[in-house]
Amino acid sequence: MSNIPTPHINAPEGAFARTVLMPGDPLRSKFIAETYLENPVLVNNVRGVQGYTGEYKGKKVSVMASGMGMPAIGIYSYELFNFYGVENIIRIGSAGALTDKLQLRDVVAGMSAYTDSNYGGQFAFNGILAPCCSYKLLQEAVAAAEKIGQPIVPGPIYSSDAFYGQGSYSAMPILQKLGVLCVEMEAYALYLNAAAAGKNALALLTISDSLVTGESLPAEDRQNTFTRMMEIALEIA
């Protein structure tokens, strides 16, 4: 019995490319498809989570939103990896800087992901899992970024389970001391799903706000202006 379509994705078999770009925001997915892809086709719109497949420089590429948080990206990435034959998922999202060395709109590549989530508990490992990105995708992203003159800052990131967590700010000094670059909410689950499926994942993150300086970008900018990160991801798709 086929697992396609799933309860969350109504696309037919073969609808997705080997590589899927995965922003959190469905409107960012739509923006990427309409701005960069030739002949984009809407292949999923269950719950308004838009997924498109088209071509970029002659390559078949897909882009689909993940929604917010690890449970959401956990569902979508699992189904794409395990049911739709997707080999690579590149998360393209926003993050809050935890260091004054990062400025608004800087691009970070998450080499590894720390977390306060128990998402890894499902794997029945009696210890703490430390998922990493795909080294191949990281290499390719750094090379692509150099070609377009956009520096990438690689390093550890923090995937938080709560946006308005009661103890979020108390953890900041510890994370900063450990050299964690920024905070977001999805990469840890994506990296674990990729590892479990034998697939590849990378989180490319644009700094949208700073927990150090208090600066931030408006929602419209986060939706429509993070183009350098998008172009790097498309080049390695």
Protein backbone atom coordinates (compact mmCIF):
# COMPACT_ATOMS: atom_id res chain seq x y z
CA MET A 1 0.00 0.00 0.00
CA SER A 2 1.42 3.38 -1.03
CA ASN A 3 1.97 6.10 1.57
CA ILE A 4 1.24 8.71 -1.13
CA PRO A 5 -0.60 11.01 -0.74
CA THR A 6 -0.02 11.55 2.96
CA PRO A 7 -2.34 13.24 5.47
CA HIS A 8 -0.25 16.42 5.02
CA ILE A 9 0.91 16.34 1.39
CA ASN A 10 -1.48 15.64 -1.48
CA ALA A 11 1.12 15.66 -4.27
CA PRO A 12 1.35 12.64 -6.57
CA GLU A 13 4.41 10.39 -6.75
CA GLY A 14 7.27 12.10 -8.59
CA ALA A 15 5.92 15.59 -7.93
CA PHE A 16 8.97 16.69 -5.92
CA ALA A 17 12.53 17.16 -7.12
CA ARG A 18 15.47 15.42 -5.41
CA THR A 19 16.17 18.72 -3.63
CA VAL A 20 13.54 20.73 -1.74
CA LEU A 21 14.08 24.23 -0.41
CA MET A 22 12.10 24.59 2.81
CA PRO A 23 11.26 28.01 4.23
CA GLY A 24 9.00 28.18 7.24
CA ASP A 25 6.57 30.70 5.73
CA PRO A 26 4.20 29.52 2.94
CA LEU A 27 4.29 33.03 1.48
CA ARG A 28 8.07 32.80 1.22
CA SER A 29 7.63 29.51 -0.63
CA LYS A 30 5.28 31.26 -3.08
CA PHE A 31 7.72 34.17 -3.46
CA ILE A 32 10.62 31.87 -4.31
CA ALA A 33 8.58 29.88 -6.83
CA GLU A 34 7.25 32.95 -8.60
CA THR A 35 10.55 34.85 -8.53
CA TYR A 36 13.10 32.17 -9.40
CA LEU A 37 11.49 29.06 -10.87
CA GLU A 38 10.48 28.56 -14.48
CA ASN A 39 7.02 27.05 -14.98
CA PRO A 40 6.33 26.53 -11.27
CA VAL A 41 3.48 24.14 -10.50
CA LEU A 42 1.64 24.12 -7.17
CA VAL A 43 1.94 20.48 -6.06
CA ASN A 44 0.72 20.84 -2.46
CA ASN A 45 -1.60 23.19 -0.65
CA VAL A 46 -2.93 21.06 2.22
CA ARG A 47 -3.54 23.40 5.19
CA GLY A 48 -2.18 26.23 3.06
CA VAL A 49 1.36 24.81 3.21
CA GLN A 50 2.33 25.61 -0.34
CA GLY A 51 4.73 23.39 -2.28
CA TYR A 52 5.90 24.12 -5.82
CA THR A 53 8.05 22.33 -8.37
CA GLY A 54 9.67 24.05 -11.34
CA GLU A 55 13.07 24.55 -12.96
CA TYR A 56 16.04 26.67 -12.00
CA LYS A 57 18.78 26.93 -14.62
CA GLY A 58 17.56 23.72 -16.21
CA LYS A 59 17.36 21.75 -12.95
CA LYS A 60 14.16 20.44 -11.42
CA VAL A 61 13.77 22.11 -8.02
CA SER A 62 11.01 22.10 -5.42
CA VAL A 63 10.20 24.53 -2.65
CA MET A 64 7.73 23.83 0.14
CA ALA A 65 6.99 25.50 3.45
CA SER A 66 7.52 23.72 6.75
CA GLY A 67 5.46 25.84 9.10
CA MET A 68 6.90 26.86 12.46
CA GLY A 69 8.59 24.64 15.00
CA MET A 70 10.13 21.19 15.17
CA PRO A 71 6.86 19.19 15.19
CA ALA A 72 5.85 20.83 11.89
CA ILE A 73 9.14 20.47 10.01
CA GLY A 74 9.45 17.01 11.55
CA ILE A 75 6.27 15.89 9.77
CA TYR A 76 6.98 17.46 6.38
CA SER A 77 10.65 16.50 6.18
CA TYR A 78 9.86 12.92 7.27
CA GLU A 79 7.27 12.49 4.55
CA LEU A 80 9.45 14.07 1.87
CA PHE A 81 12.49 11.97 2.78
CA ASN A 82 10.71 8.67 3.35
CA PHE A 83 7.70 8.71 1.03
CA TYR A 84 8.51 11.10 -1.83
CA GLY A 85 12.13 10.12 -2.46
CA VAL A 86 13.59 13.54 -1.67
CA GLU A 87 17.36 13.35 -1.10
CA ASN A 88 18.19 16.88 0.06
CA ILE A 89 16.28 19.43 2.12
CA ILE A 90 17.73 22.91 2.50
CA ARG A 91 16.00 24.91 5.22
CA ILE A 92 16.03 28.61 4.37
CA GLY A 93 14.80 30.59 7.32
CA SER A 94 15.30 33.46 9.70
CA ALA A 95 17.17 33.46 12.99
CA GLY A 96 17.98 35.68 15.93
CA ALA A 97 21.64 36.50 16.48
CA LEU A 98 23.23 35.50 19.78
CA THR A 99 26.52 37.29 19.07
CA ASP A 100 27.40 40.89 18.23
CA LYS A 101 29.59 39.52 15.42
CA LEU A 102 26.45 38.95 13.35
CA GLN A 103 24.54 41.80 11.73
CA LEU A 104 21.02 41.93 10.30
CA ARG A 105 20.80 40.03 6.96
CA ASP A 106 24.03 38.07 7.57
CA VAL A 107 23.77 34.45 6.41
CA VAL A 108 24.58 31.57 8.78
CA ALA A 109 25.02 27.89 7.94
CA GLY A 110 24.10 25.60 10.80
CA MET A 111 26.90 23.05 11.14
CA SER A 112 25.26 21.48 14.18
CA ALA A 113 22.14 22.12 16.22
CA TYR A 114 21.73 22.42 19.98
CA THR A 115 18.23 22.23 21.43
CA ASP A 116 15.98 22.25 24.47
CA SER A 117 13.55 19.93 22.66
CA ASN A 118 12.86 16.27 23.37
CA TYR A 119 12.35 15.59 19.65
CA GLY A 120 15.33 13.22 19.72
CA GLY A 121 13.71 11.07 22.42
CA GLN A 122 11.83 9.08 19.79
CA PHE A 123 15.09 7.48 18.62
CA ALA A 124 15.52 5.63 21.93
CA PHE A 125 19.16 6.62 22.36
CA ASN A 126 20.19 6.70 26.02
CA GLY A 127 22.13 9.92 25.70
CA ILE A 128 22.07 13.29 23.96
CA LEU A 129 21.93 13.36 20.18
CA ALA A 130 23.99 15.99 18.38
CA PRO A 131 22.82 16.20 14.75
CA CYS A 132 24.94 17.88 12.10
CA CYS A 133 24.30 19.19 8.62
CA SER A 134 25.41 17.47 5.43
CA TYR A 135 29.07 18.33 4.87
CA LYS A 136 28.55 18.01 1.11
CA LEU A 137 25.75 20.58 1.09
CA LEU A 138 27.76 22.85 3.39
CA GLN A 139 30.78 22.74 1.07
CA GLU A 140 28.61 23.51 -1.93
CA ALA A 141 26.86 26.36 -0.14
CA VAL A 142 30.14 28.00 0.86
CA ALA A 143 31.42 27.75 -2.72
CA ALA A 144 28.17 29.13 -4.16
CA ALA A 145 28.18 32.00 -1.68
CA GLU A 146 31.72 32.95 -2.62
CA LYS A 147 30.71 33.17 -6.29
CA ILE A 148 27.98 35.71 -5.58
CA GLY A 149 30.02 37.62 -3.00
CA GLN A 150 27.87 36.71 -0.01
CA PRO A 151 29.87 35.55 3.03
CA ILE A 152 28.49 32.61 5.01
CA VAL A 153 29.18 32.21 8.72
CA PRO A 154 29.24 28.48 9.60
CA GLY A 155 28.86 27.27 13.16
CA PRO A 156 26.54 25.80 15.80
CA ILE A 157 22.97 27.03 16.06
CA TYR A 158 20.25 26.62 18.68
CA SER A 159 16.82 25.19 17.86
CA SER A 160 14.38 26.35 20.52
CA ASP A 161 11.14 24.57 21.32
CA ALA A 162 9.39 27.76 22.46
CA PHE A 163 9.33 31.25 20.99
CA TYR A 164 8.05 32.78 24.23
CA GLY A 165 9.83 30.37 26.58
CA GLN A 166 9.94 31.41 30.24
CA GLY A 167 13.62 30.53 30.58
CA SER A 168 14.79 31.50 27.09
CA TYR A 169 16.89 34.50 28.07
CA SER A 170 18.50 32.76 31.04
CA ALA A 171 20.08 30.27 28.61
CA MET A 172 21.62 33.00 26.43
CA PRO A 173 24.88 33.49 28.38
CA ILE A 174 25.54 29.73 28.35
CA LEU A 175 24.91 29.43 24.61
CA GLN A 176 27.01 32.51 23.89
CA LYS A 177 29.90 31.10 25.91
CA LEU A 178 29.67 27.89 23.85
CA GLY A 179 29.94 29.86 20.62
CA VAL A 180 26.36 29.31 19.43
CA LEU A 181 25.67 31.80 16.65
CA CYS A 182 21.90 32.18 16.57
CA VAL A 183 18.54 30.78 17.57
CA GLU A 184 15.77 29.36 15.36
CA MET A 185 13.13 26.64 15.77
CA GLU A 186 13.46 23.88 13.18
CA ALA A 187 16.95 22.67 12.24
CA TYR A 188 17.41 20.10 15.03
CA ALA A 189 14.41 18.05 13.89
CA LEU A 190 15.34 18.38 10.23
CA TYR A 191 18.91 17.18 10.86
CA LEU A 192 17.74 14.18 12.90
CA ASN A 193 15.20 13.16 10.26
CA ALA A 194 17.85 13.40 7.57
CA ALA A 195 20.28 11.30 9.60
CA ALA A 196 17.65 8.64 10.31
CA ALA A 197 16.67 8.45 6.62
CA GLY A 198 20.25 8.50 5.31
CA LYS A 199 19.54 11.77 3.51
CA ASN A 200 21.07 15.27 3.45
CA ALA A 201 20.03 18.48 5.17
CA LEU A 202 21.37 21.99 5.64
CA ALA A 203 19.96 25.07 7.38
CA LEU A 204 20.81 28.40 5.78
CA LEU A 205 19.59 31.20 8.01
CA THR A 206 19.37 34.95 7.52
CA ILE A 207 19.65 37.06 10.65
CA SER A 208 16.32 38.84 11.07
CA ASP A 209 16.85 40.16 14.58
CA SER A 210 19.46 40.33 17.30
CA LEU A 211 19.02 39.24 20.88
CA VAL A 212 22.16 41.24 21.64
CA THR A 213 21.33 44.66 20.14
CA GLY A 214 17.53 44.42 19.99
CA GLU A 215 17.43 45.25 16.27
CA SER A 216 14.86 43.50 14.07
CA LEU A 217 13.43 43.43 10.55
CA PRO A 218 9.69 43.66 9.77
CA ALA A 219 7.71 40.61 8.61
CA GLU A 220 7.53 41.81 4.99
CA ASP A 221 11.32 42.00 4.79
CA ARG A 222 11.62 38.48 6.18
CA GLN A 223 9.17 37.26 3.55
CA ASN A 224 10.54 39.01 0.47
CA THR A 225 14.09 40.32 0.90
CA PHE A 226 16.20 37.37 2.04
CA THR A 227 17.19 36.79 -1.57
CA ARG A 228 20.91 36.10 -1.09
CA MET A 229 20.16 33.07 1.08
CA MET A 230 17.59 31.90 -1.47
CA GLU A 231 20.06 32.25 -4.35
CA ILE A 232 22.73 30.22 -2.52
CA ALA A 233 20.23 27.44 -1.87
CA LEU A 234 19.04 27.43 -5.48
CA GLU A 235 22.58 27.22 -6.79
CA ILE A 236 23.25 23.99 -4.87
CA ALA A 237 19.81 22.43 -5.45
